[in-house]
């Protein structure tokens, strides 16, 4: 694979195409999301609206539940996902919204066109060495003062169990890698991309969750 299309992108796309229907059935209910997650998304929406609105890109949108939640909050939003099947399901579930296939490592968007970016549980499939590319793209497409909200399962400060490789999910054979980044590591990458840290939150696992959930809110300098 080329530098523009690394192997992890191809493997992630194929894996999510394979499990898209089962994933959408399991995770399409935004109301079932933890209240902290919903509150942080609400805060993000308020910040975006306060500085003049969107558009906002939901990167790694999956079946579109986060895009739909932002739409309800009055934020102009569209979804982007690696998986064509996920995009198809998102369009079917939310016909009033726009979704398209794309990669966070190379966004098909002009410079300085987005009022915000939300990426909940999608950077977990990006190896640490590729995060600078992702965050440079986020900086490129955000307008000055635009915000980015990231949510991800947190790694440990000691660096143990930083990587998980799954070969099966929902009864399907896949090849999917997860990378557990720490909030500090993500904040450091954002700073190098000239995205200013605004908020950092870590909540403990709830219900069937096995790892802490981290949320990082940053903005491009005005």
N, C-alpha and C. Protein backbone atom coordinates (compact mmCIF):
# COMPACT_ATOMS: atom_id res chain seq x y z
N UNK A 1 0.85 -1.20 0.00
CA UNK A 1 0.00 0.00 0.00
C UNK A 1 0.89 1.25 0.00
N UNK A 2 0.42 2.33 -0.59
CA UNK A 2 1.17 3.57 -0.63
C UNK A 2 1.05 4.32 0.68
N UNK A 3 1.86 5.37 0.81
CA UNK A 3 1.78 6.19 2.04
C UNK A 3 0.42 6.84 2.18
N UNK A 4 -0.22 7.14 1.01
CA UNK A 4 -1.53 7.78 1.06
C UNK A 4 -2.63 6.78 1.40
N UNK A 5 -2.38 5.49 1.18
CA UNK A 5 -3.37 4.45 1.45
C UNK A 5 -2.75 3.31 2.25
N UNK A 6 -2.42 3.58 3.51
CA UNK A 6 -1.74 2.54 4.30
C UNK A 6 -2.62 1.33 4.53
N UNK A 7 -1.99 0.23 4.86
CA UNK A 7 -2.67 -1.06 5.00
C UNK A 7 -3.79 -1.01 6.04
N UNK A 8 -3.60 -0.25 7.13
CA UNK A 8 -4.63 -0.24 8.17
C UNK A 8 -5.94 0.33 7.65
N UNK A 9 -5.89 1.24 6.68
CA UNK A 9 -7.12 1.80 6.11
C UNK A 9 -7.87 0.72 5.33
N UNK A 10 -7.16 -0.01 4.49
CA UNK A 10 -7.80 -1.07 3.71
C UNK A 10 -8.42 -2.12 4.62
N UNK A 11 -7.68 -2.56 5.65
CA UNK A 11 -8.19 -3.59 6.55
C UNK A 11 -9.39 -3.10 7.34
N UNK A 12 -9.37 -1.84 7.77
CA UNK A 12 -10.49 -1.28 8.52
C UNK A 12 -11.73 -1.18 7.64
N UNK A 13 -11.56 -0.73 6.40
CA UNK A 13 -12.68 -0.61 5.47
C UNK A 13 -13.34 -1.98 5.24
N UNK A 14 -12.54 -2.98 4.94
CA UNK A 14 -13.07 -4.31 4.65
C UNK A 14 -13.78 -4.88 5.87
N UNK A 15 -13.18 -4.71 7.05
CA UNK A 15 -13.77 -5.26 8.27
C UNK A 15 -15.12 -4.62 8.57
N UNK A 16 -15.22 -3.30 8.43
CA UNK A 16 -16.50 -2.64 8.73
C UNK A 16 -17.54 -2.89 7.65
N UNK A 17 -17.11 -3.05 6.41
CA UNK A 17 -18.07 -3.49 5.39
C UNK A 17 -18.68 -4.84 5.77
N UNK A 18 -17.84 -5.71 6.35
CA UNK A 18 -18.28 -7.06 6.70
C UNK A 18 -19.27 -7.07 7.85
N UNK A 19 -19.04 -6.22 8.85
CA UNK A 19 -19.87 -6.26 10.07
C UNK A 19 -20.88 -5.12 10.13
N UNK A 20 -21.01 -4.33 9.07
CA UNK A 20 -21.80 -3.09 9.13
C UNK A 20 -23.23 -3.33 9.59
N UNK A 21 -23.90 -4.33 9.03
CA UNK A 21 -25.31 -4.53 9.37
C UNK A 21 -25.48 -4.89 10.84
N UNK A 22 -24.64 -5.80 11.33
CA UNK A 22 -24.72 -6.20 12.74
C UNK A 22 -24.34 -5.04 13.65
N UNK A 23 -23.32 -4.28 13.26
CA UNK A 23 -22.88 -3.14 14.05
C UNK A 23 -24.00 -2.10 14.15
N UNK A 24 -24.63 -1.79 13.02
CA UNK A 24 -25.71 -0.80 13.02
C UNK A 24 -26.87 -1.23 13.90
N UNK A 25 -27.19 -2.51 13.87
CA UNK A 25 -28.28 -3.02 14.71
C UNK A 25 -27.95 -2.87 16.19
N UNK A 26 -26.67 -3.01 16.54
CA UNK A 26 -26.26 -2.96 17.95
C UNK A 26 -26.06 -1.52 18.44
N UNK A 27 -25.56 -0.63 17.59
CA UNK A 27 -25.09 0.67 18.08
C UNK A 27 -25.80 1.87 17.45
N UNK A 28 -26.96 1.70 16.87
CA UNK A 28 -27.61 2.83 16.20
C UNK A 28 -28.46 3.69 17.12
N UNK A 29 -28.62 3.30 18.39
CA UNK A 29 -29.48 4.04 19.32
C UNK A 29 -28.67 5.04 20.12
N UNK A 30 -28.68 6.31 19.71
CA UNK A 30 -27.92 7.33 20.42
C UNK A 30 -28.42 7.54 21.85
N UNK A 31 -29.72 7.32 22.07
CA UNK A 31 -30.26 7.52 23.42
C UNK A 31 -29.70 6.52 24.41
N UNK A 32 -29.15 5.42 23.91
CA UNK A 32 -28.54 4.45 24.81
C UNK A 32 -27.11 4.77 25.18
N UNK A 33 -26.59 5.88 24.65
CA UNK A 33 -25.21 6.28 24.91
C UNK A 33 -25.11 6.86 26.32
N UNK A 34 -23.94 6.73 26.94
CA UNK A 34 -23.71 7.24 28.29
C UNK A 34 -24.03 8.73 28.37
N UNK A 35 -24.65 9.19 29.45
CA UNK A 35 -25.01 10.61 29.58
C UNK A 35 -23.82 11.55 29.45
N UNK A 36 -22.64 11.14 29.91
CA UNK A 36 -21.46 11.99 29.78
C UNK A 36 -21.12 12.23 28.32
N UNK A 37 -21.21 11.18 27.52
CA UNK A 37 -20.93 11.31 26.08
C UNK A 37 -21.92 12.28 25.45
N UNK A 38 -23.18 12.14 25.78
CA UNK A 38 -24.20 13.02 25.21
C UNK A 38 -23.98 14.46 25.65
N UNK A 39 -23.60 14.64 26.91
CA UNK A 39 -23.37 16.00 27.42
C UNK A 39 -22.20 16.67 26.71
N UNK A 40 -21.14 15.93 26.46
CA UNK A 40 -19.98 16.49 25.79
C UNK A 40 -20.30 16.84 24.34
N UNK A 41 -21.10 16.00 23.69
CA UNK A 41 -21.51 16.32 22.33
C UNK A 41 -22.37 17.57 22.33
N UNK A 42 -23.22 17.72 23.34
CA UNK A 42 -24.03 18.93 23.46
C UNK A 42 -23.17 20.16 23.67
N UNK A 43 -22.12 20.05 24.48
CA UNK A 43 -21.21 21.17 24.69
C UNK A 43 -20.49 21.55 23.40
N UNK A 44 -20.05 20.52 22.67
CA UNK A 44 -19.42 20.76 21.37
C UNK A 44 -20.38 21.50 20.43
N UNK A 45 -21.62 21.04 20.36
CA UNK A 45 -22.60 21.69 19.49
C UNK A 45 -22.81 23.15 19.89
N UNK A 46 -22.84 23.42 21.18
CA UNK A 46 -23.03 24.79 21.66
C UNK A 46 -21.86 25.68 21.25
N UNK A 47 -20.63 25.14 21.36
CA UNK A 47 -19.45 25.91 20.99
C UNK A 47 -19.44 26.21 19.49
N UNK A 48 -19.79 25.22 18.69
CA UNK A 48 -19.83 25.42 17.24
C UNK A 48 -20.89 26.46 16.87
N UNK A 49 -22.04 26.36 17.49
CA UNK A 49 -23.13 27.29 17.21
C UNK A 49 -22.76 28.71 17.63
N UNK A 50 -22.07 28.83 18.77
CA UNK A 50 -21.73 30.15 19.30
C UNK A 50 -20.79 30.91 18.38
N UNK A 51 -19.96 30.18 17.64
CA UNK A 51 -19.01 30.88 16.75
C UNK A 51 -19.52 30.94 15.31
N UNK A 52 -20.80 30.66 15.11
CA UNK A 52 -21.38 30.86 13.80
C UNK A 52 -21.86 29.61 13.10
N UNK A 53 -21.76 28.48 13.76
CA UNK A 53 -22.30 27.26 13.19
C UNK A 53 -21.32 26.46 12.39
N UNK A 54 -21.83 25.51 11.65
CA UNK A 54 -21.04 24.51 10.92
C UNK A 54 -20.52 25.04 9.60
N UNK A 55 -20.37 24.15 8.64
CA UNK A 55 -20.76 22.74 8.79
C UNK A 55 -19.80 21.95 9.68
N UNK A 56 -20.32 20.84 10.20
CA UNK A 56 -19.54 19.93 11.02
C UNK A 56 -19.44 18.59 10.30
N UNK A 57 -18.26 18.01 10.31
CA UNK A 57 -18.06 16.68 9.75
C UNK A 57 -17.99 15.66 10.88
N UNK A 58 -18.82 14.63 10.79
CA UNK A 58 -18.79 13.50 11.71
C UNK A 58 -17.90 12.44 11.06
N UNK A 59 -16.66 12.36 11.52
CA UNK A 59 -15.64 11.52 10.88
C UNK A 59 -15.65 10.13 11.51
N UNK A 60 -15.85 9.12 10.68
CA UNK A 60 -16.05 7.77 11.20
C UNK A 60 -17.47 7.64 11.70
N UNK A 61 -18.40 8.09 10.86
CA UNK A 61 -19.80 8.27 11.30
C UNK A 61 -20.54 6.95 11.50
N UNK A 62 -20.04 5.83 10.95
CA UNK A 62 -20.76 4.57 11.09
C UNK A 62 -22.17 4.69 10.55
N UNK A 63 -23.17 4.16 11.26
CA UNK A 63 -24.55 4.20 10.78
C UNK A 63 -25.25 5.54 10.98
N UNK A 64 -24.51 6.57 11.43
CA UNK A 64 -25.04 7.92 11.41
C UNK A 64 -25.71 8.42 12.66
N UNK A 65 -25.60 7.70 13.78
CA UNK A 65 -26.34 8.11 14.97
C UNK A 65 -25.82 9.41 15.58
N UNK A 66 -24.52 9.65 15.50
CA UNK A 66 -23.97 10.90 16.04
C UNK A 66 -24.35 12.07 15.13
N UNK A 67 -24.28 11.86 13.83
CA UNK A 67 -24.71 12.90 12.89
C UNK A 67 -26.16 13.29 13.16
N UNK A 68 -27.02 12.30 13.37
CA UNK A 68 -28.43 12.57 13.63
C UNK A 68 -28.61 13.34 14.92
N UNK A 69 -27.82 13.01 15.95
CA UNK A 69 -27.91 13.71 17.22
C UNK A 69 -27.50 15.17 17.07
N UNK A 70 -26.44 15.43 16.31
CA UNK A 70 -26.02 16.81 16.07
C UNK A 70 -27.07 17.58 15.27
N UNK A 71 -27.71 16.90 14.33
CA UNK A 71 -28.77 17.53 13.56
C UNK A 71 -29.92 17.97 14.46
N UNK A 72 -30.29 17.13 15.41
CA UNK A 72 -31.34 17.47 16.36
C UNK A 72 -30.94 18.69 17.20
N UNK A 73 -29.64 18.82 17.47
CA UNK A 73 -29.13 19.95 18.25
C UNK A 73 -28.99 21.23 17.40
N UNK A 74 -29.39 21.15 16.14
CA UNK A 74 -29.39 22.33 15.29
C UNK A 74 -28.08 22.62 14.59
N UNK A 75 -27.20 21.63 14.53
CA UNK A 75 -25.89 21.81 13.90
C UNK A 75 -25.93 21.26 12.47
N UNK A 76 -25.56 22.04 11.47
CA UNK A 76 -25.46 21.49 10.11
C UNK A 76 -24.32 20.48 10.05
N UNK A 77 -24.62 19.26 9.67
CA UNK A 77 -23.65 18.17 9.82
C UNK A 77 -23.73 17.23 8.63
N UNK A 78 -22.62 16.63 8.30
CA UNK A 78 -22.59 15.53 7.35
C UNK A 78 -21.63 14.47 7.87
N UNK A 79 -21.81 13.23 7.41
CA UNK A 79 -21.01 12.12 7.90
C UNK A 79 -20.02 11.61 6.87
N UNK A 80 -18.87 11.15 7.36
CA UNK A 80 -17.83 10.56 6.51
C UNK A 80 -17.42 9.23 7.13
N UNK A 81 -17.34 8.19 6.33
CA UNK A 81 -16.90 6.90 6.85
C UNK A 81 -16.10 6.15 5.78
N UNK A 82 -15.15 5.35 6.24
CA UNK A 82 -14.35 4.52 5.33
C UNK A 82 -15.19 3.47 4.61
N UNK A 83 -16.19 2.96 5.31
CA UNK A 83 -16.94 1.80 4.83
C UNK A 83 -18.11 2.20 3.94
N UNK A 84 -18.10 1.80 2.67
CA UNK A 84 -19.26 2.09 1.81
C UNK A 84 -20.56 1.51 2.35
N UNK A 85 -20.49 0.34 2.96
CA UNK A 85 -21.72 -0.25 3.51
C UNK A 85 -22.24 0.57 4.69
N UNK A 86 -21.36 1.07 5.55
CA UNK A 86 -21.80 1.93 6.64
C UNK A 86 -22.47 3.18 6.10
N UNK A 87 -21.90 3.77 5.08
CA UNK A 87 -22.48 4.96 4.48
C UNK A 87 -23.85 4.66 3.89
N UNK A 88 -23.99 3.52 3.26
CA UNK A 88 -25.29 3.11 2.71
C UNK A 88 -26.33 2.98 3.82
N UNK A 89 -25.95 2.37 4.94
CA UNK A 89 -26.88 2.20 6.05
C UNK A 89 -27.22 3.55 6.69
N UNK A 90 -26.23 4.45 6.80
CA UNK A 90 -26.48 5.77 7.37
C UNK A 90 -27.46 6.55 6.50
N UNK A 91 -27.28 6.48 5.18
CA UNK A 91 -28.20 7.18 4.27
C UNK A 91 -29.62 6.62 4.39
N UNK A 92 -29.72 5.33 4.56
CA UNK A 92 -31.04 4.70 4.67
C UNK A 92 -31.72 5.10 5.98
N UNK A 93 -30.96 5.14 7.07
CA UNK A 93 -31.53 5.46 8.38
C UNK A 93 -31.84 6.94 8.53
N UNK A 94 -31.05 7.80 7.87
CA UNK A 94 -31.19 9.26 8.04
C UNK A 94 -31.20 9.92 6.67
N UNK A 95 -32.27 9.76 5.91
CA UNK A 95 -32.31 10.25 4.52
C UNK A 95 -32.22 11.76 4.38
N UNK A 96 -32.45 12.49 5.45
CA UNK A 96 -32.35 13.94 5.37
C UNK A 96 -30.94 14.47 5.54
N UNK A 97 -29.98 13.60 5.83
CA UNK A 97 -28.60 14.02 6.05
C UNK A 97 -27.70 13.50 4.93
N UNK A 98 -26.53 14.10 4.83
CA UNK A 98 -25.58 13.73 3.78
C UNK A 98 -24.46 12.88 4.36
N UNK A 99 -24.13 11.80 3.68
CA UNK A 99 -23.04 10.91 4.09
C UNK A 99 -22.23 10.54 2.85
N UNK A 100 -20.91 10.45 3.02
CA UNK A 100 -20.10 9.99 1.90
C UNK A 100 -18.89 9.20 2.40
N UNK A 101 -18.33 8.41 1.50
CA UNK A 101 -17.17 7.58 1.81
C UNK A 101 -15.91 8.44 1.78
N UNK A 102 -15.07 8.29 2.78
CA UNK A 102 -13.82 9.04 2.82
C UNK A 102 -12.94 8.59 3.97
N UNK A 103 -11.72 9.08 3.97
CA UNK A 103 -10.73 8.72 4.99
C UNK A 103 -10.26 9.95 5.75
N UNK A 104 -10.12 9.84 7.06
CA UNK A 104 -9.66 10.96 7.86
C UNK A 104 -8.19 11.29 7.59
N UNK A 105 -7.45 10.40 6.94
CA UNK A 105 -6.07 10.69 6.62
C UNK A 105 -5.94 11.56 5.37
N UNK A 106 -7.01 11.68 4.59
CA UNK A 106 -6.99 12.48 3.37
C UNK A 106 -8.41 12.90 3.04
N UNK A 107 -8.88 13.95 3.70
CA UNK A 107 -10.26 14.38 3.57
C UNK A 107 -10.48 15.09 2.24
N UNK A 108 -11.53 14.73 1.55
CA UNK A 108 -11.87 15.33 0.26
C UNK A 108 -12.67 16.61 0.50
N UNK A 109 -11.99 17.57 1.14
CA UNK A 109 -12.63 18.84 1.51
C UNK A 109 -11.66 19.98 1.29
N UNK A 110 -12.16 21.15 0.89
CA UNK A 110 -11.28 22.32 0.72
C UNK A 110 -10.74 22.79 2.06
N UNK A 111 -9.71 23.60 2.00
CA UNK A 111 -9.12 24.19 3.20
C UNK A 111 -10.12 25.10 3.90
N UNK A 112 -10.09 25.06 5.23
CA UNK A 112 -10.83 26.00 6.08
C UNK A 112 -12.31 26.12 5.69
N UNK A 113 -12.98 24.97 5.70
CA UNK A 113 -14.40 24.96 5.33
C UNK A 113 -15.30 24.42 6.44
N UNK A 114 -14.73 23.84 7.49
CA UNK A 114 -15.54 23.22 8.54
C UNK A 114 -15.54 24.05 9.81
N UNK A 115 -16.73 24.20 10.40
CA UNK A 115 -16.83 24.85 11.70
C UNK A 115 -16.49 23.90 12.83
N UNK A 116 -16.52 22.60 12.57
CA UNK A 116 -16.20 21.63 13.61
C UNK A 116 -16.02 20.24 13.04
N UNK A 117 -15.34 19.42 13.81
CA UNK A 117 -15.14 18.00 13.50
C UNK A 117 -15.43 17.21 14.76
N UNK A 118 -16.21 16.16 14.62
CA UNK A 118 -16.41 15.23 15.72
C UNK A 118 -15.97 13.85 15.23
N UNK A 119 -15.18 13.17 16.04
CA UNK A 119 -14.70 11.83 15.70
C UNK A 119 -14.79 10.98 16.96
N UNK A 120 -15.94 10.32 17.12
CA UNK A 120 -16.16 9.50 18.31
C UNK A 120 -15.87 8.04 17.99
N UNK A 121 -14.88 7.50 18.67
CA UNK A 121 -14.51 6.08 18.56
C UNK A 121 -14.13 5.70 17.13
N UNK A 122 -13.42 6.59 16.44
CA UNK A 122 -12.89 6.26 15.12
C UNK A 122 -11.37 6.35 15.07
N UNK A 123 -10.74 7.25 15.86
CA UNK A 123 -9.28 7.30 15.87
C UNK A 123 -8.68 6.06 16.55
N UNK A 124 -9.53 5.23 17.16
CA UNK A 124 -9.02 3.99 17.77
C UNK A 124 -8.46 3.03 16.73
N UNK A 125 -8.77 3.23 15.48
CA UNK A 125 -8.24 2.36 14.43
C UNK A 125 -7.03 2.97 13.73
N UNK A 126 -6.53 4.08 14.25
CA UNK A 126 -5.38 4.77 13.65
C UNK A 126 -4.14 4.52 14.50
N UNK A 127 -3.09 3.91 13.94
CA UNK A 127 -1.84 3.73 14.69
C UNK A 127 -1.27 5.08 15.12
N UNK A 128 -0.55 5.08 16.22
CA UNK A 128 -0.03 6.33 16.78
C UNK A 128 0.80 7.09 15.76
N UNK A 129 1.56 6.39 14.95
CA UNK A 129 2.42 7.06 13.98
C UNK A 129 1.66 7.77 12.88
N UNK A 130 0.38 7.47 12.69
CA UNK A 130 -0.44 8.13 11.67
C UNK A 130 -1.31 9.24 12.23
N UNK A 131 -1.35 9.41 13.56
CA UNK A 131 -2.16 10.48 14.13
C UNK A 131 -1.71 11.88 13.68
N UNK A 132 -0.40 12.14 13.52
CA UNK A 132 -0.03 13.47 13.02
C UNK A 132 -0.64 13.79 11.67
N UNK A 133 -0.73 12.80 10.78
CA UNK A 133 -1.36 13.02 9.47
C UNK A 133 -2.83 13.36 9.63
N UNK A 134 -3.52 12.61 10.50
CA UNK A 134 -4.94 12.84 10.73
C UNK A 134 -5.19 14.24 11.28
N UNK A 135 -4.42 14.62 12.30
CA UNK A 135 -4.68 15.91 12.94
C UNK A 135 -4.22 17.08 12.06
N UNK A 136 -3.24 16.86 11.20
CA UNK A 136 -2.88 17.89 10.22
C UNK A 136 -4.03 18.12 9.24
N UNK A 137 -4.72 17.02 8.85
CA UNK A 137 -5.89 17.15 7.99
C UNK A 137 -7.01 17.90 8.71
N UNK A 138 -7.22 17.58 9.97
CA UNK A 138 -8.25 18.28 10.74
C UNK A 138 -7.94 19.78 10.77
N UNK A 139 -6.69 20.12 11.04
CA UNK A 139 -6.30 21.53 11.09
C UNK A 139 -6.53 22.20 9.74
N UNK A 140 -6.20 21.51 8.67
CA UNK A 140 -6.32 22.07 7.32
C UNK A 140 -7.77 22.44 6.98
N UNK A 141 -8.72 21.57 7.32
CA UNK A 141 -10.10 21.79 6.88
C UNK A 141 -10.92 22.63 7.86
N UNK A 142 -10.44 22.85 9.07
CA UNK A 142 -11.17 23.67 10.03
C UNK A 142 -10.98 25.15 9.75
N UNK A 143 -12.03 25.92 9.95
CA UNK A 143 -11.89 27.37 9.91
C UNK A 143 -11.17 27.81 11.17
N UNK A 144 -10.53 28.99 11.17
CA UNK A 144 -9.95 29.50 12.40
C UNK A 144 -11.01 29.57 13.51
N UNK A 145 -10.67 29.04 14.67
CA UNK A 145 -11.62 29.00 15.77
C UNK A 145 -12.50 27.77 15.77
N UNK A 146 -12.40 26.92 14.73
CA UNK A 146 -13.21 25.70 14.67
C UNK A 146 -12.78 24.68 15.70
N UNK A 147 -13.75 23.88 16.15
CA UNK A 147 -13.50 22.92 17.22
C UNK A 147 -13.47 21.48 16.72
N UNK A 148 -12.75 20.65 17.44
CA UNK A 148 -12.71 19.21 17.18
C UNK A 148 -12.95 18.47 18.50
N UNK A 149 -13.86 17.51 18.47
CA UNK A 149 -14.14 16.67 19.64
C UNK A 149 -13.80 15.23 19.29
N UNK A 150 -12.90 14.65 20.08
CA UNK A 150 -12.50 13.26 19.90
C UNK A 150 -12.97 12.44 21.08
N UNK A 151 -13.44 11.22 20.81
CA UNK A 151 -13.77 10.26 21.87
C UNK A 151 -13.12 8.93 21.53
N UNK A 152 -12.52 8.29 22.53
CA UNK A 152 -11.81 7.04 22.27
C UNK A 152 -11.60 6.26 23.56
N UNK A 153 -11.48 4.95 23.43
CA UNK A 153 -11.12 4.13 24.57
C UNK A 153 -9.68 4.45 24.95
N UNK A 154 -9.43 4.67 26.23
CA UNK A 154 -8.13 5.15 26.66
C UNK A 154 -7.15 4.01 26.88
N UNK A 155 -5.90 4.28 26.49
CA UNK A 155 -4.80 3.40 26.86
C UNK A 155 -4.33 3.71 28.27
N UNK A 156 -3.41 2.93 28.78
CA UNK A 156 -2.87 3.16 30.12
C UNK A 156 -1.60 3.98 30.02
N UNK A 157 -1.32 4.81 31.04
CA UNK A 157 -0.07 5.59 31.03
C UNK A 157 1.17 4.71 30.96
N UNK A 158 1.07 3.46 31.46
CA UNK A 158 2.22 2.56 31.45
C UNK A 158 2.45 1.96 30.07
N UNK A 159 1.46 2.10 29.17
CA UNK A 159 1.64 1.63 27.82
C UNK A 159 1.40 0.15 27.61
N UNK A 160 0.81 -0.53 28.58
CA UNK A 160 0.55 -1.96 28.39
C UNK A 160 -0.75 -2.15 27.62
N UNK A 161 -0.85 -3.24 26.90
CA UNK A 161 -2.05 -3.57 26.12
C UNK A 161 -2.47 -2.41 25.23
N UNK A 162 -1.51 -1.82 24.50
CA UNK A 162 -1.82 -0.67 23.66
C UNK A 162 -2.49 -1.06 22.35
N UNK A 163 -2.46 -2.34 22.02
CA UNK A 163 -2.93 -2.77 20.70
C UNK A 163 -3.74 -4.04 20.83
N UNK A 164 -4.88 -4.08 20.11
CA UNK A 164 -5.72 -5.27 20.08
C UNK A 164 -6.02 -5.60 18.63
N UNK A 165 -5.87 -6.84 18.25
CA UNK A 165 -6.20 -7.29 16.90
C UNK A 165 -7.33 -8.30 16.99
N UNK A 166 -8.45 -7.99 16.31
CA UNK A 166 -9.60 -8.89 16.31
C UNK A 166 -9.69 -9.60 14.96
N UNK A 167 -9.94 -10.90 15.03
CA UNK A 167 -10.14 -11.69 13.81
C UNK A 167 -11.59 -12.13 13.66
N UNK A 168 -12.43 -11.82 14.66
CA UNK A 168 -13.85 -12.18 14.59
C UNK A 168 -14.65 -11.17 15.38
N UNK A 169 -15.81 -10.79 14.82
CA UNK A 169 -16.77 -9.97 15.55
C UNK A 169 -18.14 -10.19 14.94
N UNK A 170 -19.14 -10.27 15.81
CA UNK A 170 -20.52 -10.52 15.39
C UNK A 170 -20.62 -11.78 14.52
N UNK A 171 -19.73 -12.74 14.78
CA UNK A 171 -19.77 -13.99 14.04
C UNK A 171 -19.15 -13.93 12.66
N UNK A 172 -18.49 -12.81 12.32
CA UNK A 172 -17.87 -12.65 11.00
C UNK A 172 -16.35 -12.63 11.13
N UNK A 173 -15.68 -13.16 10.14
CA UNK A 173 -14.22 -13.14 10.11
C UNK A 173 -13.76 -11.76 9.62
N UNK A 174 -12.88 -11.12 10.41
CA UNK A 174 -12.39 -9.79 10.08
C UNK A 174 -10.90 -9.72 10.40
N UNK A 175 -10.31 -8.59 10.10
CA UNK A 175 -8.93 -8.29 10.52
C UNK A 175 -8.91 -6.82 10.89
N UNK A 176 -9.17 -6.55 12.18
CA UNK A 176 -9.39 -5.18 12.64
C UNK A 176 -8.50 -4.87 13.83
N UNK A 177 -7.76 -3.78 13.72
CA UNK A 177 -6.83 -3.37 14.78
C UNK A 177 -7.39 -2.19 15.57
N UNK A 178 -7.17 -2.24 16.88
CA UNK A 178 -7.54 -1.16 17.79
C UNK A 178 -6.27 -0.67 18.48
N UNK A 179 -6.15 0.64 18.60
CA UNK A 179 -4.99 1.25 19.24
C UNK A 179 -5.48 2.12 20.38
N UNK A 180 -5.06 1.79 21.60
CA UNK A 180 -5.54 2.49 22.78
C UNK A 180 -4.61 3.66 23.09
N UNK A 181 -4.98 4.84 22.68
CA UNK A 181 -4.19 6.04 22.91
C UNK A 181 -4.53 6.62 24.28
N UNK A 182 -3.56 7.21 24.93
CA UNK A 182 -3.84 7.92 26.18
C UNK A 182 -4.28 9.35 25.86
N UNK A 183 -5.08 9.97 26.75
CA UNK A 183 -5.46 11.37 26.52
C UNK A 183 -4.25 12.28 26.39
N UNK A 184 -3.20 12.05 27.18
CA UNK A 184 -2.01 12.89 27.10
C UNK A 184 -1.33 12.76 25.75
N UNK A 185 -1.25 11.53 25.23
CA UNK A 185 -0.60 11.33 23.93
C UNK A 185 -1.39 12.02 22.83
N UNK A 186 -2.72 11.91 22.88
CA UNK A 186 -3.56 12.55 21.87
C UNK A 186 -3.45 14.07 21.97
N UNK A 187 -3.46 14.58 23.20
CA UNK A 187 -3.32 16.03 23.40
C UNK A 187 -1.99 16.53 22.85
N UNK A 188 -0.93 15.75 23.01
CA UNK A 188 0.38 16.14 22.51
C UNK A 188 0.38 16.18 20.98
N UNK A 189 -0.25 15.19 20.35
CA UNK A 189 -0.35 15.19 18.89
C UNK A 189 -1.16 16.39 18.39
N UNK A 190 -2.25 16.71 19.09
CA UNK A 190 -3.06 17.86 18.71
C UNK A 190 -2.25 19.14 18.81
N UNK A 191 -1.47 19.29 19.86
CA UNK A 191 -0.65 20.49 20.04
C UNK A 191 0.35 20.64 18.90
N UNK A 192 0.95 19.53 18.48
CA UNK A 192 1.90 19.58 17.37
C UNK A 192 1.23 19.98 16.07
N UNK A 193 -0.07 19.68 15.95
CA UNK A 193 -0.84 20.09 14.77
C UNK A 193 -1.41 21.49 14.93
N UNK A 194 -1.01 22.20 15.98
CA UNK A 194 -1.46 23.56 16.26
C UNK A 194 -2.96 23.62 16.53
N UNK A 195 -3.47 22.57 17.20
CA UNK A 195 -4.84 22.55 17.69
C UNK A 195 -4.79 22.68 19.20
N UNK A 196 -5.36 23.74 19.72
CA UNK A 196 -5.25 24.08 21.14
C UNK A 196 -6.19 23.24 22.00
N UNK A 197 -5.64 22.61 23.02
CA UNK A 197 -6.45 21.82 23.94
C UNK A 197 -7.38 22.72 24.73
N UNK A 198 -8.67 22.34 24.79
CA UNK A 198 -9.67 23.07 25.55
C UNK A 198 -10.16 22.28 26.76
N UNK A 199 -10.42 21.00 26.55
CA UNK A 199 -10.98 20.16 27.61
C UNK A 199 -10.47 18.74 27.43
N UNK A 200 -10.22 18.09 28.58
CA UNK A 200 -9.80 16.69 28.58
C UNK A 200 -10.60 15.99 29.68
N UNK A 201 -11.34 14.93 29.30
CA UNK A 201 -12.21 14.21 30.24
C UNK A 201 -11.91 12.72 30.15
N UNK A 202 -11.87 12.08 31.29
CA UNK A 202 -11.70 10.62 31.34
C UNK A 202 -12.78 10.07 32.27
N UNK A 203 -13.63 9.20 31.73
CA UNK A 203 -14.65 8.59 32.58
C UNK A 203 -14.40 7.09 32.69
N UNK A 204 -14.82 6.53 33.79
CA UNK A 204 -14.62 5.11 34.04
C UNK A 204 -15.56 4.26 33.19
N UNK A 205 -15.20 3.00 32.95
CA UNK A 205 -16.08 2.13 32.15
C UNK A 205 -17.45 1.98 32.81
N UNK A 206 -18.47 1.88 31.97
CA UNK A 206 -19.84 1.69 32.46
C UNK A 206 -20.46 0.51 31.74
N UNK A 207 -21.31 -0.23 32.44
CA UNK A 207 -22.00 -1.35 31.82
C UNK A 207 -21.04 -2.41 31.33
N UNK A 208 -21.11 -2.74 30.03
CA UNK A 208 -20.25 -3.76 29.45
C UNK A 208 -18.90 -3.22 28.98
N UNK A 209 -18.67 -1.94 29.14
CA UNK A 209 -17.40 -1.36 28.71
C UNK A 209 -16.25 -1.92 29.54
N UNK A 210 -15.10 -2.09 28.92
CA UNK A 210 -13.95 -2.67 29.60
C UNK A 210 -12.81 -1.68 29.82
N UNK A 211 -12.82 -0.58 29.10
CA UNK A 211 -11.74 0.40 29.22
C UNK A 211 -12.33 1.78 29.50
N UNK A 212 -11.56 2.66 30.18
CA UNK A 212 -12.01 4.03 30.37
C UNK A 212 -12.24 4.72 29.03
N UNK A 213 -13.14 5.69 29.02
CA UNK A 213 -13.44 6.49 27.83
C UNK A 213 -12.82 7.87 27.98
N UNK A 214 -12.07 8.28 26.97
CA UNK A 214 -11.42 9.58 26.99
C UNK A 214 -12.07 10.50 25.96
N UNK A 215 -12.16 11.78 26.30
CA UNK A 215 -12.70 12.79 25.38
C UNK A 215 -11.75 13.97 25.42
N UNK A 216 -11.40 14.44 24.23
CA UNK A 216 -10.50 15.59 24.11
C UNK A 216 -11.16 16.61 23.18
N UNK A 217 -11.29 17.83 23.66
CA UNK A 217 -11.85 18.93 22.88
C UNK A 217 -10.74 19.93 22.62
N UNK A 218 -10.56 20.28 21.35
CA UNK A 218 -9.53 21.25 20.98
C UNK A 218 -10.09 22.20 19.94
N UNK A 219 -9.35 23.25 19.62
CA UNK A 219 -9.78 24.18 18.58
C UNK A 219 -8.59 24.70 17.80
N UNK A 220 -8.86 25.09 16.58
CA UNK A 220 -7.86 25.76 15.75
C UNK A 220 -7.77 27.21 16.21
N UNK A 221 -6.57 27.73 16.23
CA UNK A 221 -6.40 29.11 16.69
C UNK A 221 -7.24 30.08 15.86
N UNK A 222 -7.94 31.00 16.51
CA UNK A 222 -8.78 31.98 15.77
C UNK A 222 -7.93 32.85 14.84
